[in-house]
Amino acid sequence: MSNKKAKLYKIDKDGFYTEAEKKSSAYQFVVGILVYALVLMITNALFKGIYVENFFYAIIAALILSFLNATVKPVLVFLAIPLTILTYGIAYPIVNVIILNLCDIIMGNAFSVTGFLSTFVIAIFISFLKIVLDRVITKKVGV
């Protein structure tokens, strides 16, 4: 017989997760935002086409980008499905370029991206680095 214990996930009477799971989710969110800000600062150091004033503004940009990714991006992805299919997925990063440009408009002088081609490459780099760091750092927080 195996000595492994099964994990039980409990939901309290209000339909929410238990306090420990709420804390874990909150920690993951905060760490995820900090990782996103770190990714933006690394990208700022490596590429000329993006400017982030400092780490504080990188955190603000990370919050805005997270909000835009949760609200606007699904609509843009849906609208871009035909183009994405026609280009075998190459057009998908254009959605990320649009999101970065929206963040640029919202943030003003503290965050900016310039040029389409450089923003396209930056969007791919940010996506790749965010995936890697999320797997290494963010997903380990709640475990």
N, C-alpha and C. Protein backbone atom coordinates (compact mmCIF):
# COMPACT_ATOMS: atom_id res chain seq x y z
N MET A 1 0.83 -1.19 0.00
CA MET A 1 0.00 0.00 0.00
C MET A 1 0.86 1.25 0.00
N SER A 2 0.35 2.25 -0.61
CA SER A 2 1.07 3.50 -0.72
C SER A 2 0.75 4.39 0.48
N ASN A 3 1.75 5.13 0.93
CA ASN A 3 1.57 6.03 2.07
C ASN A 3 1.22 7.45 1.63
N LYS A 4 0.96 7.63 0.37
CA LYS A 4 0.62 8.96 -0.12
C LYS A 4 -0.76 9.37 0.37
N LYS A 5 -0.84 10.62 0.79
CA LYS A 5 -2.12 11.16 1.23
C LYS A 5 -2.71 12.00 0.12
N ALA A 6 -3.97 11.85 -0.09
CA ALA A 6 -4.66 12.64 -1.11
C ALA A 6 -4.89 14.05 -0.57
N LYS A 7 -4.75 15.03 -1.43
CA LYS A 7 -5.02 16.41 -1.04
C LYS A 7 -6.51 16.66 -1.13
N LEU A 8 -7.06 17.23 -0.07
CA LEU A 8 -8.47 17.60 -0.06
C LEU A 8 -8.60 19.10 -0.21
N TYR A 9 -9.46 19.50 -1.09
CA TYR A 9 -9.72 20.91 -1.29
C TYR A 9 -11.11 21.20 -0.75
N LYS A 10 -11.16 22.07 0.23
CA LYS A 10 -12.43 22.37 0.88
C LYS A 10 -12.90 23.76 0.48
N ILE A 11 -14.19 23.87 0.35
CA ILE A 11 -14.80 25.16 0.06
C ILE A 11 -15.72 25.47 1.23
N ASP A 12 -15.58 26.68 1.78
CA ASP A 12 -16.40 27.01 2.93
C ASP A 12 -17.84 27.34 2.50
N LYS A 13 -18.67 27.70 3.46
CA LYS A 13 -20.10 27.88 3.20
C LYS A 13 -20.41 29.01 2.22
N ASP A 14 -19.49 29.97 2.06
CA ASP A 14 -19.72 31.07 1.13
C ASP A 14 -19.30 30.73 -0.29
N GLY A 15 -18.79 29.53 -0.50
CA GLY A 15 -18.36 29.13 -1.83
C GLY A 15 -16.93 29.53 -2.14
N PHE A 16 -16.20 30.01 -1.13
CA PHE A 16 -14.82 30.40 -1.33
C PHE A 16 -13.89 29.30 -0.83
N TYR A 17 -12.66 29.39 -1.23
CA TYR A 17 -11.66 28.45 -0.72
C TYR A 17 -11.35 28.78 0.72
N THR A 18 -10.69 27.86 1.40
CA THR A 18 -10.33 28.09 2.80
C THR A 18 -9.33 29.23 2.89
N GLU A 19 -9.10 29.73 4.10
CA GLU A 19 -8.22 30.88 4.31
C GLU A 19 -6.81 30.61 3.80
N ALA A 20 -6.29 29.42 4.00
CA ALA A 20 -4.94 29.09 3.54
C ALA A 20 -4.85 29.18 2.02
N GLU A 21 -5.89 28.72 1.34
CA GLU A 21 -5.89 28.77 -0.12
C GLU A 21 -6.09 30.19 -0.62
N LYS A 22 -6.85 31.01 0.12
CA LYS A 22 -7.00 32.42 -0.25
C LYS A 22 -5.66 33.14 -0.12
N LYS A 23 -4.93 32.87 0.97
CA LYS A 23 -3.62 33.49 1.17
C LYS A 23 -2.66 33.07 0.08
N SER A 24 -2.68 31.78 -0.25
CA SER A 24 -1.79 31.26 -1.28
C SER A 24 -2.06 31.95 -2.61
N SER A 25 -3.33 32.13 -2.93
CA SER A 25 -3.70 32.79 -4.18
C SER A 25 -3.26 34.26 -4.17
N ALA A 26 -3.42 34.92 -3.04
CA ALA A 26 -3.00 36.32 -2.93
C ALA A 26 -1.49 36.44 -3.06
N TYR A 27 -0.76 35.54 -2.42
CA TYR A 27 0.70 35.56 -2.54
C TYR A 27 1.12 35.33 -3.99
N GLN A 28 0.46 34.39 -4.65
CA GLN A 28 0.79 34.13 -6.05
C GLN A 28 0.53 35.35 -6.92
N PHE A 29 -0.55 36.06 -6.64
CA PHE A 29 -0.86 37.27 -7.41
C PHE A 29 0.23 38.32 -7.20
N VAL A 30 0.59 38.58 -5.95
CA VAL A 30 1.60 39.60 -5.65
C VAL A 30 2.95 39.21 -6.26
N VAL A 31 3.34 37.96 -6.08
CA VAL A 31 4.61 37.51 -6.65
C VAL A 31 4.55 37.55 -8.17
N GLY A 32 3.40 37.21 -8.76
CA GLY A 32 3.23 37.27 -10.20
C GLY A 32 3.40 38.69 -10.73
N ILE A 33 2.87 39.68 -10.02
CA ILE A 33 3.03 41.08 -10.42
C ILE A 33 4.49 41.50 -10.30
N LEU A 34 5.15 41.09 -9.21
CA LEU A 34 6.57 41.43 -9.05
C LEU A 34 7.43 40.77 -10.13
N VAL A 35 7.09 39.54 -10.49
CA VAL A 35 7.81 38.85 -11.57
C VAL A 35 7.59 39.58 -12.89
N TYR A 36 6.35 40.00 -13.14
CA TYR A 36 6.04 40.74 -14.37
C TYR A 36 6.85 42.05 -14.42
N ALA A 37 6.93 42.75 -13.27
CA ALA A 37 7.72 43.98 -13.20
C ALA A 37 9.19 43.69 -13.45
N LEU A 38 9.70 42.60 -12.91
CA LEU A 38 11.09 42.20 -13.15
C LEU A 38 11.32 41.91 -14.63
N VAL A 39 10.38 41.24 -15.26
CA VAL A 39 10.47 40.96 -16.69
C VAL A 39 10.53 42.27 -17.48
N LEU A 40 9.71 43.23 -17.10
CA LEU A 40 9.71 44.52 -17.79
C LEU A 40 11.05 45.24 -17.60
N MET A 41 11.63 45.16 -16.41
CA MET A 41 12.92 45.81 -16.17
C MET A 41 14.04 45.12 -16.94
N ILE A 42 14.01 43.80 -17.01
CA ILE A 42 15.01 43.06 -17.79
C ILE A 42 14.89 43.43 -19.26
N THR A 43 13.66 43.49 -19.74
CA THR A 43 13.41 43.86 -21.14
C THR A 43 13.88 45.28 -21.40
N ASN A 44 13.65 46.18 -20.45
CA ASN A 44 14.10 47.56 -20.56
C ASN A 44 15.63 47.62 -20.68
N ALA A 45 16.33 46.76 -19.95
CA ALA A 45 17.79 46.76 -19.99
C ALA A 45 18.34 46.18 -21.29
N LEU A 46 17.60 45.26 -21.90
CA LEU A 46 18.10 44.56 -23.08
C LEU A 46 17.69 45.18 -24.41
N PHE A 47 16.57 45.87 -24.45
CA PHE A 47 16.04 46.40 -25.72
C PHE A 47 15.93 47.92 -25.67
N LYS A 48 16.19 48.55 -26.81
CA LYS A 48 16.06 50.00 -26.91
C LYS A 48 14.63 50.44 -27.18
N GLY A 49 13.78 49.53 -27.64
CA GLY A 49 12.42 49.89 -28.03
C GLY A 49 11.43 49.99 -26.89
N ILE A 50 11.89 49.76 -25.66
CA ILE A 50 10.99 49.86 -24.51
C ILE A 50 11.68 50.71 -23.45
N TYR A 51 10.89 51.53 -22.76
CA TYR A 51 11.41 52.36 -21.69
C TYR A 51 10.49 52.23 -20.48
N VAL A 52 11.09 51.89 -19.33
CA VAL A 52 10.38 51.88 -18.06
C VAL A 52 11.21 52.75 -17.12
N GLU A 53 10.58 53.76 -16.53
CA GLU A 53 11.32 54.75 -15.74
C GLU A 53 12.06 54.13 -14.56
N ASN A 54 11.37 53.32 -13.75
CA ASN A 54 12.01 52.65 -12.61
C ASN A 54 11.14 51.47 -12.19
N PHE A 55 11.57 50.78 -11.13
CA PHE A 55 10.86 49.56 -10.73
C PHE A 55 9.45 49.86 -10.24
N PHE A 56 9.24 50.99 -9.60
CA PHE A 56 7.89 51.35 -9.15
C PHE A 56 6.93 51.43 -10.34
N TYR A 57 7.37 52.11 -11.40
CA TYR A 57 6.53 52.22 -12.59
C TYR A 57 6.41 50.87 -13.32
N ALA A 58 7.41 50.02 -13.15
CA ALA A 58 7.32 48.68 -13.72
C ALA A 58 6.21 47.88 -13.01
N ILE A 59 6.07 48.08 -11.71
CA ILE A 59 5.00 47.42 -10.96
C ILE A 59 3.64 47.95 -11.42
N ILE A 60 3.53 49.27 -11.59
CA ILE A 60 2.28 49.86 -12.08
C ILE A 60 1.97 49.33 -13.48
N ALA A 61 2.98 49.28 -14.35
CA ALA A 61 2.78 48.76 -15.70
C ALA A 61 2.38 47.28 -15.66
N ALA A 62 2.97 46.52 -14.75
CA ALA A 62 2.62 45.11 -14.61
C ALA A 62 1.16 44.95 -14.19
N LEU A 63 0.69 45.79 -13.29
CA LEU A 63 -0.72 45.76 -12.88
C LEU A 63 -1.63 46.11 -14.06
N ILE A 64 -1.27 47.15 -14.80
CA ILE A 64 -2.08 47.56 -15.96
C ILE A 64 -2.07 46.47 -17.02
N LEU A 65 -0.89 45.91 -17.31
CA LEU A 65 -0.80 44.85 -18.31
C LEU A 65 -1.59 43.61 -17.88
N SER A 66 -1.55 43.28 -16.60
CA SER A 66 -2.33 42.14 -16.10
C SER A 66 -3.82 42.39 -16.28
N PHE A 67 -4.26 43.62 -15.97
CA PHE A 67 -5.66 43.97 -16.14
C PHE A 67 -6.07 43.91 -17.61
N LEU A 68 -5.22 44.47 -18.49
CA LEU A 68 -5.53 44.44 -19.92
C LEU A 68 -5.52 43.01 -20.46
N ASN A 69 -4.59 42.19 -19.98
CA ASN A 69 -4.53 40.79 -20.42
C ASN A 69 -5.77 40.01 -19.97
N ALA A 70 -6.36 40.41 -18.86
CA ALA A 70 -7.54 39.71 -18.36
C ALA A 70 -8.84 40.21 -18.99
N THR A 71 -8.85 41.46 -19.46
CA THR A 71 -10.10 42.02 -19.97
C THR A 71 -10.10 42.23 -21.48
N VAL A 72 -9.13 42.95 -22.00
CA VAL A 72 -9.11 43.32 -23.41
C VAL A 72 -8.56 42.20 -24.29
N LYS A 73 -7.53 41.52 -23.81
CA LYS A 73 -6.86 40.53 -24.64
C LYS A 73 -7.79 39.41 -25.13
N PRO A 74 -8.67 38.85 -24.30
CA PRO A 74 -9.55 37.80 -24.83
C PRO A 74 -10.41 38.26 -26.00
N VAL A 75 -10.87 39.51 -25.96
CA VAL A 75 -11.67 40.05 -27.06
C VAL A 75 -10.80 40.19 -28.32
N LEU A 76 -9.59 40.71 -28.15
CA LEU A 76 -8.69 40.87 -29.29
C LEU A 76 -8.29 39.52 -29.89
N VAL A 77 -8.05 38.53 -29.03
CA VAL A 77 -7.70 37.19 -29.52
C VAL A 77 -8.85 36.62 -30.34
N PHE A 78 -10.07 36.80 -29.85
CA PHE A 78 -11.24 36.30 -30.57
C PHE A 78 -11.37 36.99 -31.93
N LEU A 79 -11.18 38.30 -31.95
CA LEU A 79 -11.30 39.04 -33.20
C LEU A 79 -10.16 38.70 -34.18
N ALA A 80 -9.02 38.29 -33.65
CA ALA A 80 -7.85 38.01 -34.49
C ALA A 80 -7.76 36.55 -34.93
N ILE A 81 -8.73 35.72 -34.57
CA ILE A 81 -8.67 34.29 -34.92
C ILE A 81 -8.50 34.07 -36.43
N PRO A 82 -9.26 34.73 -37.29
CA PRO A 82 -9.06 34.48 -38.73
C PRO A 82 -7.64 34.81 -39.20
N LEU A 83 -7.13 35.95 -38.77
CA LEU A 83 -5.78 36.35 -39.16
C LEU A 83 -4.73 35.39 -38.57
N THR A 84 -4.95 34.95 -37.36
CA THR A 84 -4.03 34.01 -36.72
C THR A 84 -4.01 32.68 -37.47
N ILE A 85 -5.16 32.23 -37.91
CA ILE A 85 -5.24 30.98 -38.68
C ILE A 85 -4.55 31.15 -40.04
N LEU A 86 -4.80 32.26 -40.70
CA LEU A 86 -4.20 32.50 -42.02
C LEU A 86 -2.67 32.60 -41.96
N THR A 87 -2.15 33.11 -40.86
CA THR A 87 -0.70 33.29 -40.74
C THR A 87 -0.05 32.18 -39.91
N TYR A 88 -0.78 31.12 -39.64
CA TYR A 88 -0.27 29.99 -38.84
C TYR A 88 0.26 30.43 -37.48
N GLY A 89 -0.40 31.37 -36.86
CA GLY A 89 -0.07 31.79 -35.51
C GLY A 89 0.90 32.95 -35.42
N ILE A 90 1.47 33.36 -36.52
CA ILE A 90 2.45 34.45 -36.48
C ILE A 90 1.78 35.77 -36.08
N ALA A 91 0.51 35.92 -36.38
CA ALA A 91 -0.19 37.16 -36.06
C ALA A 91 -0.59 37.25 -34.58
N TYR A 92 -0.48 36.16 -33.84
CA TYR A 92 -0.90 36.19 -32.43
C TYR A 92 -0.14 37.23 -31.61
N PRO A 93 1.19 37.36 -31.77
CA PRO A 93 1.89 38.40 -30.99
C PRO A 93 1.44 39.82 -31.28
N ILE A 94 0.74 40.03 -32.38
CA ILE A 94 0.22 41.36 -32.67
C ILE A 94 -0.77 41.79 -31.58
N VAL A 95 -1.48 40.84 -31.02
CA VAL A 95 -2.39 41.15 -29.90
C VAL A 95 -1.57 41.67 -28.72
N ASN A 96 -0.42 41.05 -28.45
CA ASN A 96 0.43 41.51 -27.36
C ASN A 96 1.02 42.89 -27.66
N VAL A 97 1.29 43.16 -28.92
CA VAL A 97 1.78 44.49 -29.33
C VAL A 97 0.71 45.54 -29.03
N ILE A 98 -0.53 45.22 -29.34
CA ILE A 98 -1.64 46.14 -29.07
C ILE A 98 -1.77 46.39 -27.57
N ILE A 99 -1.67 45.32 -26.77
CA ILE A 99 -1.75 45.46 -25.32
C ILE A 99 -0.62 46.34 -24.80
N LEU A 100 0.60 46.12 -25.28
CA LEU A 100 1.73 46.96 -24.86
C LEU A 100 1.51 48.43 -25.25
N ASN A 101 0.97 48.65 -26.43
CA ASN A 101 0.69 50.03 -26.86
C ASN A 101 -0.41 50.67 -26.03
N LEU A 102 -1.41 49.91 -25.63
CA LEU A 102 -2.45 50.44 -24.74
C LEU A 102 -1.85 50.83 -23.39
N CYS A 103 -0.95 50.00 -22.88
CA CYS A 103 -0.27 50.32 -21.62
C CYS A 103 0.57 51.58 -21.78
N ASP A 104 1.21 51.72 -22.92
CA ASP A 104 2.00 52.92 -23.23
C ASP A 104 1.10 54.16 -23.17
N ILE A 105 -0.08 54.09 -23.75
CA ILE A 105 -1.02 55.21 -23.75
C ILE A 105 -1.46 55.54 -22.33
N ILE A 106 -1.75 54.51 -21.55
CA ILE A 106 -2.24 54.71 -20.17
C ILE A 106 -1.15 55.27 -19.27
N MET A 107 0.07 54.77 -19.39
CA MET A 107 1.16 55.13 -18.48
C MET A 107 1.81 56.49 -18.79
N GLY A 108 1.69 56.95 -20.01
CA GLY A 108 2.31 58.23 -20.34
C GLY A 108 3.82 58.11 -20.49
N ASN A 109 4.56 59.03 -19.88
CA ASN A 109 6.01 59.08 -20.04
C ASN A 109 6.76 58.04 -19.21
N ALA A 110 6.14 57.41 -18.25
CA ALA A 110 6.83 56.47 -17.38
C ALA A 110 7.06 55.11 -18.04
N PHE A 111 6.31 54.81 -19.10
CA PHE A 111 6.43 53.55 -19.82
C PHE A 111 6.16 53.83 -21.28
N SER A 112 7.06 53.39 -22.14
CA SER A 112 6.79 53.59 -23.57
C SER A 112 7.42 52.48 -24.40
N VAL A 113 6.78 52.19 -25.51
CA VAL A 113 7.31 51.27 -26.51
C VAL A 113 7.31 52.03 -27.83
N THR A 114 8.34 51.77 -28.64
CA THR A 114 8.45 52.51 -29.90
C THR A 114 8.62 51.55 -31.06
N GLY A 115 8.01 51.90 -32.17
CA GLY A 115 8.14 51.12 -33.39
C GLY A 115 7.34 49.83 -33.35
N PHE A 116 6.88 49.41 -34.52
CA PHE A 116 6.08 48.18 -34.56
C PHE A 116 6.95 46.94 -34.48
N LEU A 117 8.01 46.89 -35.27
CA LEU A 117 8.85 45.69 -35.32
C LEU A 117 9.55 45.45 -33.99
N SER A 118 10.09 46.50 -33.38
CA SER A 118 10.76 46.32 -32.09
C SER A 118 9.76 45.91 -31.02
N THR A 119 8.56 46.49 -31.04
CA THR A 119 7.53 46.11 -30.07
C THR A 119 7.08 44.66 -30.30
N PHE A 120 7.06 44.23 -31.55
CA PHE A 120 6.71 42.84 -31.88
C PHE A 120 7.73 41.89 -31.25
N VAL A 121 9.01 42.18 -31.40
CA VAL A 121 10.07 41.33 -30.82
C VAL A 121 10.02 41.41 -29.29
N ILE A 122 9.81 42.60 -28.76
CA ILE A 122 9.72 42.78 -27.31
C ILE A 122 8.54 42.00 -26.74
N ALA A 123 7.41 42.02 -27.42
CA ALA A 123 6.22 41.28 -26.96
C ALA A 123 6.51 39.78 -26.89
N ILE A 124 7.21 39.26 -27.89
CA ILE A 124 7.56 37.84 -27.88
C ILE A 124 8.52 37.55 -26.73
N PHE A 125 9.52 38.42 -26.55
CA PHE A 125 10.49 38.23 -25.47
C PHE A 125 9.82 38.28 -24.10
N ILE A 126 8.94 39.26 -23.89
CA ILE A 126 8.24 39.38 -22.61
C ILE A 126 7.41 38.13 -22.34
N SER A 127 6.68 37.66 -23.35
CA SER A 127 5.86 36.46 -23.18
C SER A 127 6.71 35.25 -22.80
N PHE A 128 7.82 35.07 -23.51
CA PHE A 128 8.70 33.93 -23.24
C PHE A 128 9.30 34.02 -21.84
N LEU A 129 9.87 35.17 -21.49
CA LEU A 129 10.51 35.32 -20.18
C LEU A 129 9.49 35.21 -19.05
N LYS A 130 8.29 35.74 -19.25
CA LYS A 130 7.25 35.66 -18.21
C LYS A 130 6.85 34.20 -17.98
N ILE A 131 6.72 33.43 -19.04
CA ILE A 131 6.37 32.01 -18.89
C ILE A 131 7.45 31.28 -18.10
N VAL A 132 8.70 31.52 -18.45
CA VAL A 132 9.81 30.85 -17.77
C VAL A 132 9.86 31.23 -16.29
N LEU A 133 9.80 32.53 -16.00
CA LEU A 133 9.89 32.96 -14.61
C LEU A 133 8.64 32.58 -13.80
N ASP A 134 7.49 32.55 -14.42
CA ASP A 134 6.29 32.08 -13.72
C ASP A 134 6.44 30.63 -13.29
N ARG A 135 6.98 29.80 -14.16
CA ARG A 135 7.17 28.39 -13.81
C ARG A 135 8.23 28.22 -12.73
N VAL A 136 9.25 29.04 -12.77
CA VAL A 136 10.35 28.91 -11.81
C VAL A 136 9.99 29.55 -10.46
N ILE A 137 9.32 30.70 -10.48
CA ILE A 137 9.10 31.45 -9.25
C ILE A 137 7.64 31.43 -8.80
N THR A 138 6.74 31.96 -9.62
CA THR A 138 5.37 32.22 -9.19
C THR A 138 4.62 30.95 -8.81
N LYS A 139 4.72 29.90 -9.57
CA LYS A 139 3.97 28.67 -9.30
C LYS A 139 4.47 27.96 -8.05
N LYS A 140 5.70 28.27 -7.60
CA LYS A 140 6.26 27.63 -6.42
C LYS A 140 5.76 28.28 -5.13
N VAL A 141 5.18 29.47 -5.21
CA VAL A 141 4.77 30.21 -4.02
C VAL A 141 3.64 29.53 -3.28
N GLY A 142 2.63 29.08 -3.98
CA GLY A 142 1.44 28.52 -3.34
C GLY A 142 1.56 27.05 -2.99
N VAL A 143 2.66 26.42 -3.36
CA VAL A 143 2.79 24.98 -3.14
C VAL A 143 3.26 24.67 -1.76
